[in-house]
Amino acid sequence: MKNTATEKTTVTVIGGGLAGCEAAWALAERGVPVRLVEMKPHRRSPAHRTDELAELVCSNSLKAARIDSAAGLLKEEMRRLGSVCLQAADESRVDAGGALAVDRDRFSAGVSRRIHAHPLITVEHREVTEIPAEGPVIVASGPLTSDALAADIARLCGGGLHFYDAAAPIVTAASVDPDKSFCASRYDKEDSGAGDYINCPLNKEEYEAFHAALVAAEIAPLHDFDAASPTVYEGCMPIEVLAKRGADSIRFGPMKPVGLRDPRTGHRPWAVLQLRAENTERTLYNLVGFQTNLKFGEQKRVFGMIPALANAEFVRYGVMHRNTFLRSPELLTSGFRSRQREDLWFAGQMTGVEGYMESAASGLMAGINCARMLEGKPELTLPRTTMIGALSAYVAAPNVNFQPMGANFGILPPLENPIRDKRERYAALAARGLEDLSTVIDK
C-alpha cells in the first residue's frame, strides 16, 4: 500500500508487544511509514493487564546487564542497532544487582510514548483475524496470539507448535516480615543496598515441610489442552513441576542459598526464596523463579509457609498460559522473512527465540530487513559471532527437534584461541561479537 503523502510503501506490523514495537521503530527510523495494529484495549489475552504497548507479562527482569554476559551482549548489540526498548529500559531501570530490571509500567509507558510520537507510525487498536493478503507485513502478535489469527498463521504455515509457560506471583513489600528476611544480592554483587533483593530464608525443617506441601498442592485446570501432561518450556517451569523432580531440585534451583549469608545467624541458610523489586518505589516484589499454576488459594497457603511470607499480601497470583511458536527452520530465513512469501516477516517469541530481549531483537531484525527489501537491498545477516546473529541463525537452521532458544554463549562459534577461564572467555566472546558487529552495522 502506498502512502499518498510520501509515496512510500506502508508496512503493516501486527502486534504491539516488544517485537512489534521494535519492528515498527526500526522501519520508521529508516523512513518507512508504519501501521502498527494492536488488539488492546478491545481484546486482551489472559496474561495482559494494561492497555500500553510493550507490556511485560512474566517478569520485570531483562536479565544480566554486564556486556560479558550473554544477555548483556545481546542488549548492547541492540543498543547499537537503535533499539527503542533499550531506550525505555534504561530510563525505567530499577536497581537489581547485576540485572537490568525495570519498573514495568514506566517501561511500557516509555515505549508507548515513543511509538505514538513518531510521525511515521500510526497505531490502530483493533483485532487482526487474518494476515493481510498484500504486504509488506510483519507478524509480531506474540506467543499469546488470538485464536483467529493463530488459526490463519497455522493455515499459512502448515501448522504450529504450542507449549505452556507461567508467571510468578507479586507481593507487597510491606507484607514481607522484616524480622524473617534480609536484603542482599548473591555474593554482595553490585547491590545498591536499598533492597534490590529481599531474601526469605528457610532452615532444613521449614524447607522440607514447604517442599512436601508444594508437591501435594492442587493445580489450576488447564483449558483446551491435555492438563495431565502439558508441554512446559524449561525456562518457565512452574515451581511445583520442578519440585516434583526431587527433594533438592528447587534448593539447587530457584531457592539455592549460595552466595547468601543470613545476618541473623551468620551462616548460609538451607534454602532461600529471593524477592526482586518490581517497581522503582520498591513497594512490590516478584517471587523470583516461582512461576506457578497452583490454584490461587493454594499459592497463598503454600507460599505462606515460607516464614517471611506468612502474612504476604498478593497483588498478583501466578498464572499459566499457552504460548505458540512456529516450525521456524522450515518457515523462516535468518532475517525472519517467510520462505513462502517474500513480503512477510515474523518476529517475537513465536519465531522460537526465548526471552523479552530476544523477542525484541527479532523484531528489530525483521524491521531492518523489511526496510532493506523496500530499498532494494539484500537481507542483512549479522555475523554468527554476534548474539543476535547466532540467534537468527539458530531460528533458520535445519532442526527436527526445534525448541525455543534464549541468548547464551553456547550458540556462538568458539574462539580461535581457547581461553580456559570462563569469565575471561565470555569477555573475549563479547568483545569479538561487538567488533564484528561494527563491521556490518552501517551497511
Protein backbone atom coordinates (compact mmCIF):
# COMPACT_ATOMS: atom_id res chain seq x y z
CA MET A 1 0.00 0.00 0.00
CA LYS A 2 1.32 3.44 -0.95
CA ASN A 3 1.27 6.37 1.44
CA THR A 4 -0.01 9.27 -0.67
CA ALA A 5 1.93 11.90 1.28
CA THR A 6 5.29 10.23 0.94
CA GLU A 7 4.72 7.81 -1.92
CA LYS A 8 6.40 5.20 0.20
CA THR A 9 5.05 1.77 0.92
CA THR A 10 3.31 1.47 4.29
CA VAL A 11 4.25 -1.62 6.27
CA THR A 12 1.67 -3.31 8.48
CA VAL A 13 3.02 -4.58 11.79
CA ILE A 14 0.64 -6.86 13.67
CA GLY A 15 1.13 -6.79 17.43
CA GLY A 16 2.19 -4.07 19.84
CA GLY A 17 4.45 -6.14 22.08
CA LEU A 18 8.19 -5.68 22.34
CA ALA A 19 8.89 -7.32 18.97
CA GLY A 20 6.19 -5.35 17.15
CA CYS A 21 7.32 -2.06 18.64
CA GLU A 22 10.95 -2.75 17.71
CA ALA A 23 9.93 -3.64 14.16
CA ALA A 24 7.81 -0.50 13.80
CA TRP A 25 10.54 1.69 15.26
CA ALA A 26 13.27 0.21 13.04
CA LEU A 27 11.14 0.83 9.95
CA ALA A 28 10.11 4.36 10.90
CA GLU A 29 13.66 5.35 11.82
CA ARG A 30 14.62 4.31 8.28
CA GLY A 31 11.94 6.48 6.74
CA VAL A 32 9.30 3.79 6.17
CA PRO A 33 5.65 4.57 7.15
CA VAL A 34 4.19 2.00 9.54
CA ARG A 35 0.70 0.91 10.51
CA LEU A 36 1.06 -0.77 13.91
CA VAL A 37 -2.06 -2.78 14.78
CA GLU A 38 -2.66 -3.81 18.40
CA MET A 39 -5.80 -5.58 19.63
CA LYS A 40 -5.78 -3.98 23.09
CA PRO A 41 -7.90 -2.45 24.57
CA HIS A 42 -10.67 -4.06 22.51
CA ARG A 43 -9.38 -7.50 23.38
CA ARG A 44 -6.75 -8.77 25.77
CA SER A 45 -5.03 -12.09 26.29
CA PRO A 46 -5.45 -13.73 29.73
CA ALA A 47 -1.94 -12.59 30.73
CA HIS A 48 -2.22 -8.88 29.91
CA ARG A 49 -3.44 -6.30 32.39
CA THR A 50 -2.78 -2.84 30.83
CA ASP A 51 -3.55 -1.08 27.56
CA GLU A 52 0.03 0.03 26.97
CA LEU A 53 2.27 -1.21 24.18
CA ALA A 54 5.27 -3.43 25.01
CA GLU A 55 3.70 -4.80 28.19
CA LEU A 56 5.96 -7.04 30.27
CA VAL A 57 3.93 -10.01 31.49
CA CYS A 58 6.00 -12.60 33.34
CA SER A 59 8.85 -10.63 34.90
CA ASN A 60 10.36 -7.20 35.18
CA SER A 61 13.89 -8.53 34.73
CA LEU A 62 15.57 -8.19 31.35
CA LYS A 63 18.41 -10.36 32.69
CA ALA A 64 22.08 -9.53 33.15
CA ALA A 65 23.40 -6.08 32.31
CA ARG A 66 27.12 -6.92 32.03
CA ILE A 67 28.40 -6.95 28.47
CA ASP A 68 30.49 -10.03 29.29
CA SER A 69 27.25 -11.99 29.82
CA ALA A 70 25.13 -13.43 27.03
CA ALA A 71 22.09 -11.33 27.94
CA GLY A 72 24.21 -8.22 28.36
CA LEU A 73 25.91 -8.72 24.99
CA LEU A 74 22.53 -9.11 23.32
CA LYS A 75 21.29 -5.83 24.80
CA GLU A 76 24.46 -3.95 23.86
CA GLU A 77 24.10 -5.14 20.26
CA MET A 78 20.50 -3.94 20.30
CA ARG A 79 21.55 -0.53 21.65
CA ARG A 80 23.99 -0.14 18.79
CA LEU A 81 21.23 -1.03 16.34
CA GLY A 82 18.93 1.66 17.77
CA SER A 83 16.57 -0.39 19.95
CA VAL A 84 13.56 1.54 21.25
CA CYS A 85 13.06 -0.97 24.07
CA LEU A 86 16.56 -0.36 25.43
CA GLN A 87 15.91 3.39 25.42
CA ALA A 88 12.82 2.82 27.57
CA ALA A 89 14.55 0.23 29.74
CA ASP A 90 17.46 2.49 30.58
CA GLU A 91 15.15 5.29 31.75
CA SER A 92 12.90 3.00 33.81
CA ARG A 93 15.62 0.93 35.43
CA VAL A 94 15.16 -0.48 38.92
CA ASP A 95 18.23 -1.44 40.96
CA ALA A 96 18.55 -5.23 40.84
CA GLY A 97 22.17 -6.07 41.41
CA GLY A 98 23.76 -7.03 38.11
CA ALA A 99 20.46 -7.39 36.25
CA LEU A 100 18.66 -4.87 34.08
CA ALA A 101 15.29 -4.84 35.82
CA VAL A 102 12.69 -2.18 35.08
CA ASP A 103 9.58 -0.62 36.51
CA ARG A 104 7.15 -2.43 34.24
CA ASP A 105 4.60 0.36 33.98
CA ARG A 106 7.24 3.02 33.29
CA PHE A 107 8.92 0.78 30.73
CA SER A 108 5.73 0.18 28.75
CA ALA A 109 4.76 3.83 29.01
CA GLY A 110 8.19 4.82 27.71
CA VAL A 111 7.95 2.58 24.66
CA SER A 112 4.33 3.64 24.04
CA ARG A 113 5.23 7.33 24.24
CA ARG A 114 7.98 6.98 21.67
CA ILE A 115 5.86 4.90 19.28
CA HIS A 116 2.85 7.23 19.43
CA ALA A 117 5.05 10.31 18.98
CA HIS A 118 6.86 9.08 15.88
CA PRO A 119 5.50 10.91 12.80
CA LEU A 120 5.78 7.82 10.58
CA ILE A 121 3.95 5.41 12.91
CA THR A 122 0.16 5.17 13.05
CA VAL A 123 -1.25 2.95 15.80
CA GLU A 124 -4.58 1.23 15.18
CA HIS A 125 -6.40 -0.55 18.00
CA ARG A 126 -8.30 -3.49 16.55
CA GLU A 127 -8.06 -7.25 16.35
CA VAL A 128 -6.49 -8.76 13.26
CA THR A 129 -8.03 -12.13 12.46
CA GLU A 130 -6.02 -12.96 9.34
CA ILE A 131 -2.75 -11.96 7.75
CA PRO A 132 -3.33 -9.31 5.05
CA ALA A 133 -3.10 -10.80 1.59
CA GLU A 134 -0.99 -7.89 0.37
CA GLY A 135 2.20 -6.86 2.09
CA PRO A 136 4.57 -5.96 3.32
CA VAL A 137 3.54 -7.38 6.68
CA ILE A 138 5.40 -8.21 9.89
CA VAL A 139 3.53 -10.57 12.21
CA ALA A 140 4.61 -9.96 15.80
CA SER A 141 1.41 -10.97 17.55
CA GLY A 142 3.26 -12.76 20.31
CA PRO A 143 3.04 -16.16 21.98
CA LEU A 144 -0.49 -15.31 23.14
CA THR A 145 -1.80 -14.73 19.63
CA SER A 146 -5.61 -14.65 19.44
CA ASP A 147 -7.27 -17.86 18.29
CA ALA A 148 -8.48 -16.49 14.94
CA LEU A 149 -5.11 -15.09 13.90
CA ALA A 150 -3.29 -18.19 15.20
CA ALA A 151 -5.54 -20.33 13.01
CA ASP A 152 -4.70 -18.21 9.97
CA ILE A 153 -0.98 -18.41 10.73
CA ALA A 154 -1.30 -22.20 11.06
CA ARG A 155 -3.12 -22.31 7.72
CA LEU A 156 -0.41 -20.29 6.02
CA CYS A 157 2.49 -22.10 7.69
CA GLY A 158 1.11 -25.60 7.68
CA GLY A 159 0.56 -25.80 11.43
CA GLY A 160 2.37 -24.65 14.53
CA LEU A 161 3.57 -25.86 17.88
CA HIS A 162 2.48 -24.80 21.32
CA PHE A 163 3.65 -25.06 24.88
CA TYR A 164 2.81 -23.57 28.23
CA ASP A 165 4.66 -21.10 30.39
CA ALA A 166 3.84 -19.44 33.67
CA ALA A 167 4.20 -16.17 35.58
CA ALA A 168 5.29 -15.71 39.19
CA PRO A 169 3.26 -14.02 41.94
CA ILE A 170 3.88 -10.47 43.17
CA VAL A 171 3.59 -9.40 46.81
CA THR A 172 3.70 -6.05 48.60
CA ALA A 173 6.95 -5.13 50.31
CA ALA A 174 5.12 -4.02 53.43
CA SER A 175 3.69 -7.51 53.93
CA VAL A 176 7.09 -9.27 53.96
CA ASP A 177 8.24 -9.87 57.54
CA PRO A 178 11.48 -7.88 58.01
CA ASP A 179 12.40 -9.94 61.07
CA LYS A 180 12.43 -13.12 58.98
CA SER A 181 14.10 -11.77 55.85
CA PHE A 182 17.19 -9.80 54.85
CA CYS A 183 18.33 -7.66 51.90
CA ALA A 184 21.33 -8.74 49.84
CA SER A 185 22.44 -9.81 46.36
CA ARG A 186 24.34 -13.06 45.93
CA TYR A 187 27.99 -12.63 46.93
CA ASP A 188 27.07 -8.93 47.57
CA LYS A 189 27.48 -8.31 43.87
CA GLU A 190 26.54 -4.84 42.62
CA ASP A 191 23.86 -4.40 45.27
CA SER A 192 22.65 -0.83 45.76
CA GLY A 193 21.98 -1.51 49.45
CA ALA A 194 18.45 -0.22 49.05
CA GLY A 195 16.58 -3.51 48.85
CA ASP A 196 17.18 -4.74 45.31
CA TYR A 197 16.52 -8.26 46.61
CA ILE A 198 14.73 -9.40 49.74
CA ASN A 199 15.83 -12.87 50.82
CA CYS A 200 13.42 -15.19 52.62
CA PRO A 201 15.47 -17.95 54.30
CA LEU A 202 14.30 -21.40 55.42
CA ASN A 203 16.01 -23.89 57.67
CA LYS A 204 16.09 -27.59 56.81
CA GLU A 205 12.86 -28.44 58.65
CA GLU A 206 10.99 -25.47 57.16
CA TYR A 207 12.19 -26.30 53.67
CA GLU A 208 11.18 -29.96 53.89
CA ALA A 209 7.69 -29.04 55.10
CA PHE A 210 7.38 -26.44 52.33
CA HIS A 211 8.55 -28.89 49.65
CA ALA A 212 6.10 -31.57 50.81
CA ALA A 213 3.20 -29.11 50.70
CA LEU A 214 4.26 -27.77 47.30
CA VAL A 215 4.34 -31.13 45.53
CA ALA A 216 0.95 -32.07 47.01
CA ALA A 217 -0.76 -28.72 46.29
CA GLU A 218 -3.72 -28.50 43.92
CA ILE A 219 -3.05 -27.03 40.49
CA ALA A 220 -5.42 -24.91 38.44
CA PRO A 221 -7.10 -26.66 35.48
CA LEU A 222 -5.74 -26.06 32.01
CA HIS A 223 -8.25 -25.49 29.25
CA ASP A 224 -8.20 -26.68 25.62
CA PHE A 225 -5.21 -28.94 26.19
CA ASP A 226 -4.24 -32.12 27.99
CA ALA A 227 -3.91 -30.83 31.54
CA ALA A 228 -2.38 -34.08 32.72
CA SER A 229 0.79 -33.65 30.69
CA PRO A 230 1.24 -30.14 29.34
CA THR A 231 4.38 -29.32 27.35
CA VAL A 232 6.12 -26.72 29.50
CA TYR A 233 9.04 -24.58 28.36
CA GLU A 234 12.01 -25.34 30.63
CA GLY A 235 12.87 -21.69 31.21
CA CYS A 236 9.41 -21.00 32.64
CA MET A 237 8.95 -24.27 34.52
CA PRO A 238 6.28 -23.95 37.25
CA ILE A 239 7.87 -24.28 40.67
CA GLU A 240 5.53 -27.16 41.59
CA VAL A 241 6.59 -29.10 38.48
CA LEU A 242 10.27 -28.54 39.22
CA ALA A 243 9.73 -29.57 42.87
CA LYS A 244 8.41 -32.96 41.78
CA ARG A 245 11.78 -33.80 40.24
CA GLY A 246 13.30 -34.41 43.65
CA ALA A 247 13.60 -33.23 47.23
CA ASP A 248 16.50 -30.90 46.45
CA SER A 249 15.50 -29.85 42.93
CA ILE A 250 14.36 -26.36 43.92
CA ARG A 251 17.03 -25.98 46.63
CA PHE A 252 19.60 -26.36 43.87
CA GLY A 253 17.47 -24.22 41.55
CA PRO A 254 15.49 -21.05 42.29
CA MET A 255 15.86 -21.49 46.08
CA LYS A 256 19.62 -22.02 46.06
CA PRO A 257 21.29 -20.33 49.04
CA VAL A 258 24.78 -20.00 47.52
CA GLY A 259 26.35 -16.58 47.84
CA LEU A 260 23.99 -15.52 50.64
CA ARG A 261 24.56 -15.27 54.37
CA ASP A 262 21.78 -14.66 56.88
CA PRO A 263 22.95 -11.79 59.11
CA ARG A 264 20.85 -13.15 61.99
CA THR A 265 22.79 -16.41 62.12
CA GLY A 266 26.00 -15.57 60.29
CA HIS A 267 25.54 -18.74 58.21
CA ARG A 268 24.24 -19.69 54.80
CA PRO A 269 20.56 -20.72 55.00
CA TRP A 270 19.41 -24.17 53.98
CA ALA A 271 17.24 -22.63 51.23
CA VAL A 272 16.26 -19.10 50.17
CA LEU A 273 13.45 -17.54 48.17
CA GLN A 274 14.59 -14.27 46.62
CA LEU A 275 12.15 -11.42 46.02
CA ARG A 276 13.13 -8.90 43.32
CA ALA A 277 11.93 -5.30 43.24
CA GLU A 278 9.05 -4.97 40.79
CA ASN A 279 8.83 -1.16 40.67
CA THR A 280 11.02 1.89 41.26
CA GLU A 281 9.43 2.64 44.62
CA ARG A 282 10.15 -0.93 45.80
CA THR A 283 6.61 -1.33 47.08
CA LEU A 284 6.10 -4.53 45.06
CA TYR A 285 8.31 -7.61 44.81
CA ASN A 286 8.33 -10.58 42.41
CA LEU A 287 8.92 -14.12 43.72
CA VAL A 288 11.99 -14.98 41.65
CA GLY A 289 11.71 -18.36 39.94
CA PHE A 290 8.31 -19.05 41.47
CA GLN A 291 6.22 -19.10 38.32
CA THR A 292 3.29 -21.37 39.09
CA ASN A 293 0.00 -22.88 38.07
CA LEU A 294 -1.27 -23.60 41.57
CA LYS A 295 -4.79 -22.50 42.44
CA PHE A 296 -4.80 -19.04 43.95
CA GLY A 297 -5.81 -20.27 47.41
CA GLU A 298 -3.05 -22.86 47.30
CA GLN A 299 -0.49 -20.22 46.37
CA LYS A 300 -1.40 -18.18 49.44
CA ARG A 301 -1.37 -21.26 51.68
CA VAL A 302 1.80 -22.94 50.43
CA PHE A 303 3.94 -19.86 49.79
CA GLY A 304 2.76 -18.58 53.16
CA MET A 305 4.69 -21.48 54.72
CA ILE A 306 7.87 -19.55 53.94
CA PRO A 307 8.35 -17.72 57.26
CA ALA A 308 8.87 -14.25 55.78
CA LEU A 309 5.69 -14.62 53.68
CA ALA A 310 3.37 -15.84 56.43
CA ASN A 311 1.27 -12.67 56.09
CA ALA A 312 2.14 -11.81 52.49
CA GLU A 313 -0.30 -9.69 50.52
CA PHE A 314 -0.52 -10.96 46.94
CA VAL A 315 -1.29 -8.27 44.39
CA ARG A 316 -0.98 -10.79 41.56
CA TYR A 317 -1.09 -14.56 41.75
CA GLY A 318 0.91 -16.71 39.37
CA VAL A 319 -0.83 -17.93 36.22
CA MET A 320 -0.09 -20.36 33.40
CA HIS A 321 -0.98 -19.65 29.80
CA ARG A 322 -0.47 -21.20 26.39
CA ASN A 323 2.23 -19.94 24.07
CA THR A 324 2.68 -20.64 20.37
CA PHE A 325 5.79 -20.92 18.25
CA LEU A 326 6.40 -21.82 14.61
CA ARG A 327 8.44 -24.52 12.96
CA SER A 328 10.82 -21.72 12.07
CA PRO A 329 13.67 -23.73 10.49
CA GLU A 330 11.23 -24.82 7.78
CA LEU A 331 9.46 -21.48 7.50
CA LEU A 332 11.85 -18.59 8.08
CA THR A 333 15.16 -17.23 6.82
CA SER A 334 17.77 -15.93 9.25
CA GLY A 335 16.34 -12.48 8.53
CA PHE A 336 12.96 -13.66 9.89
CA ARG A 337 11.34 -13.50 6.44
CA SER A 338 8.89 -16.15 5.32
CA ARG A 339 10.35 -18.64 2.86
CA GLN A 340 6.92 -18.89 1.24
CA ARG A 341 6.09 -15.21 0.83
CA GLU A 342 8.77 -12.59 0.26
CA ASP A 343 6.81 -9.66 1.72
CA LEU A 344 6.00 -11.39 5.02
CA TRP A 345 8.10 -11.50 8.18
CA PHE A 346 7.54 -12.98 11.62
CA ALA A 347 9.02 -11.67 14.84
CA GLY A 348 8.94 -12.28 18.56
CA GLN A 349 8.72 -15.36 20.73
CA MET A 350 6.59 -17.18 18.15
CA THR A 351 9.73 -17.49 16.00
CA GLY A 352 11.42 -19.64 18.64
CA VAL A 353 13.57 -17.05 20.40
CA GLU A 354 13.03 -17.13 24.16
CA GLY A 355 13.02 -14.07 26.37
CA TYR A 356 11.89 -10.47 26.29
CA MET A 357 15.03 -9.03 24.74
CA GLU A 358 15.49 -11.94 22.37
CA SER A 359 11.94 -11.34 21.12
CA ALA A 360 12.58 -7.63 20.79
CA ALA A 361 15.81 -8.33 18.88
CA SER A 362 13.95 -10.48 16.35
CA GLY A 363 11.51 -7.61 15.79
CA LEU A 364 14.41 -5.24 15.32
CA MET A 365 15.93 -7.50 12.68
CA ALA A 366 12.59 -8.08 10.94
CA GLY A 367 12.06 -4.32 10.73
CA ILE A 368 15.56 -3.66 9.45
CA ASN A 369 15.25 -6.36 6.78
CA CYS A 370 11.80 -5.24 5.70
CA ALA A 371 13.16 -1.71 5.22
CA ARG A 372 16.13 -3.09 3.30
CA MET A 373 13.85 -5.04 0.96
CA LEU A 374 11.86 -1.88 0.22
CA GLU A 375 15.13 -0.12 -0.56
CA GLY A 376 16.18 -2.93 -2.91
CA LYS A 377 18.97 -4.08 -0.59
CA PRO A 378 19.80 -7.69 0.26
CA GLU A 379 18.76 -9.24 3.55
CA LEU A 380 21.03 -8.32 6.45
CA THR A 381 22.55 -11.29 8.24
CA LEU A 382 24.62 -10.37 11.27
CA PRO A 383 27.84 -12.32 11.92
CA ARG A 384 27.40 -15.60 13.77
CA THR A 385 29.84 -14.24 16.33
CA THR A 386 27.22 -11.73 17.49
CA MET A 387 24.46 -12.84 19.83
CA ILE A 388 21.72 -11.60 17.53
CA GLY A 389 23.40 -13.24 14.55
CA ALA A 390 23.71 -16.54 16.39
CA LEU A 391 20.05 -16.49 17.48
CA SER A 392 18.95 -15.60 13.94
CA ALA A 393 20.99 -18.49 12.55
CA TYR A 394 19.52 -20.86 15.14
CA VAL A 395 15.98 -19.96 14.12
CA ALA A 396 16.68 -20.69 10.46
CA ALA A 397 19.00 -23.72 10.71
CA PRO A 398 17.54 -27.19 9.96
CA ASN A 399 16.47 -28.80 13.22
CA VAL A 400 13.90 -31.58 13.52
CA ASN A 401 13.77 -31.11 17.30
CA PHE A 402 13.43 -27.33 17.21
CA GLN A 403 12.73 -25.73 20.60
CA PRO A 404 12.86 -22.10 21.81
CA MET A 405 16.33 -20.70 22.50
CA GLY A 406 17.47 -17.74 24.54
CA ALA A 407 20.76 -15.85 24.46
CA ASN A 408 23.70 -17.96 25.64
CA PHE A 409 27.37 -18.20 24.77
CA GLY A 410 26.95 -21.84 23.77
CA ILE A 411 25.42 -20.87 20.42
CA LEU A 412 28.42 -18.71 19.44
CA PRO A 413 31.35 -20.16 17.46
CA PRO A 414 34.31 -20.96 19.75
CA LEU A 415 37.25 -18.60 20.00
CA GLU A 416 40.16 -19.26 17.65
CA ASN A 417 42.45 -19.36 20.69
CA PRO A 418 40.61 -21.10 23.53
CA ILE A 419 40.51 -19.40 26.94
CA ARG A 420 40.09 -21.64 29.96
CA ASP A 421 38.82 -19.09 32.48
CA LYS A 422 35.07 -18.73 31.94
CA ARG A 423 34.80 -15.04 32.80
CA GLU A 424 37.74 -14.16 30.55
CA ARG A 425 36.33 -16.36 27.78
CA TYR A 426 32.95 -14.66 27.95
CA ALA A 427 34.59 -11.24 27.89
CA ALA A 428 36.57 -12.24 24.80
CA LEU A 429 33.47 -13.62 23.08
CA ALA A 430 31.62 -10.38 23.79
CA ALA A 431 34.49 -8.21 22.55
CA ARG A 432 34.73 -10.27 19.35
CA GLY A 433 30.99 -10.03 18.75
CA LEU A 434 30.86 -6.26 19.17
CA GLU A 435 33.90 -5.79 16.95
CA ASP A 436 32.33 -7.95 14.23
CA LEU A 437 29.01 -6.11 14.58
CA SER A 438 30.76 -2.81 13.92
CA THR A 439 31.91 -4.09 10.52
CA VAL A 440 28.35 -4.52 9.23
CA ILE A 441 26.21 -2.16 11.31
CA ASP A 442 26.21 0.68 8.79
CA LYS A 443 25.85 -1.35 5.62
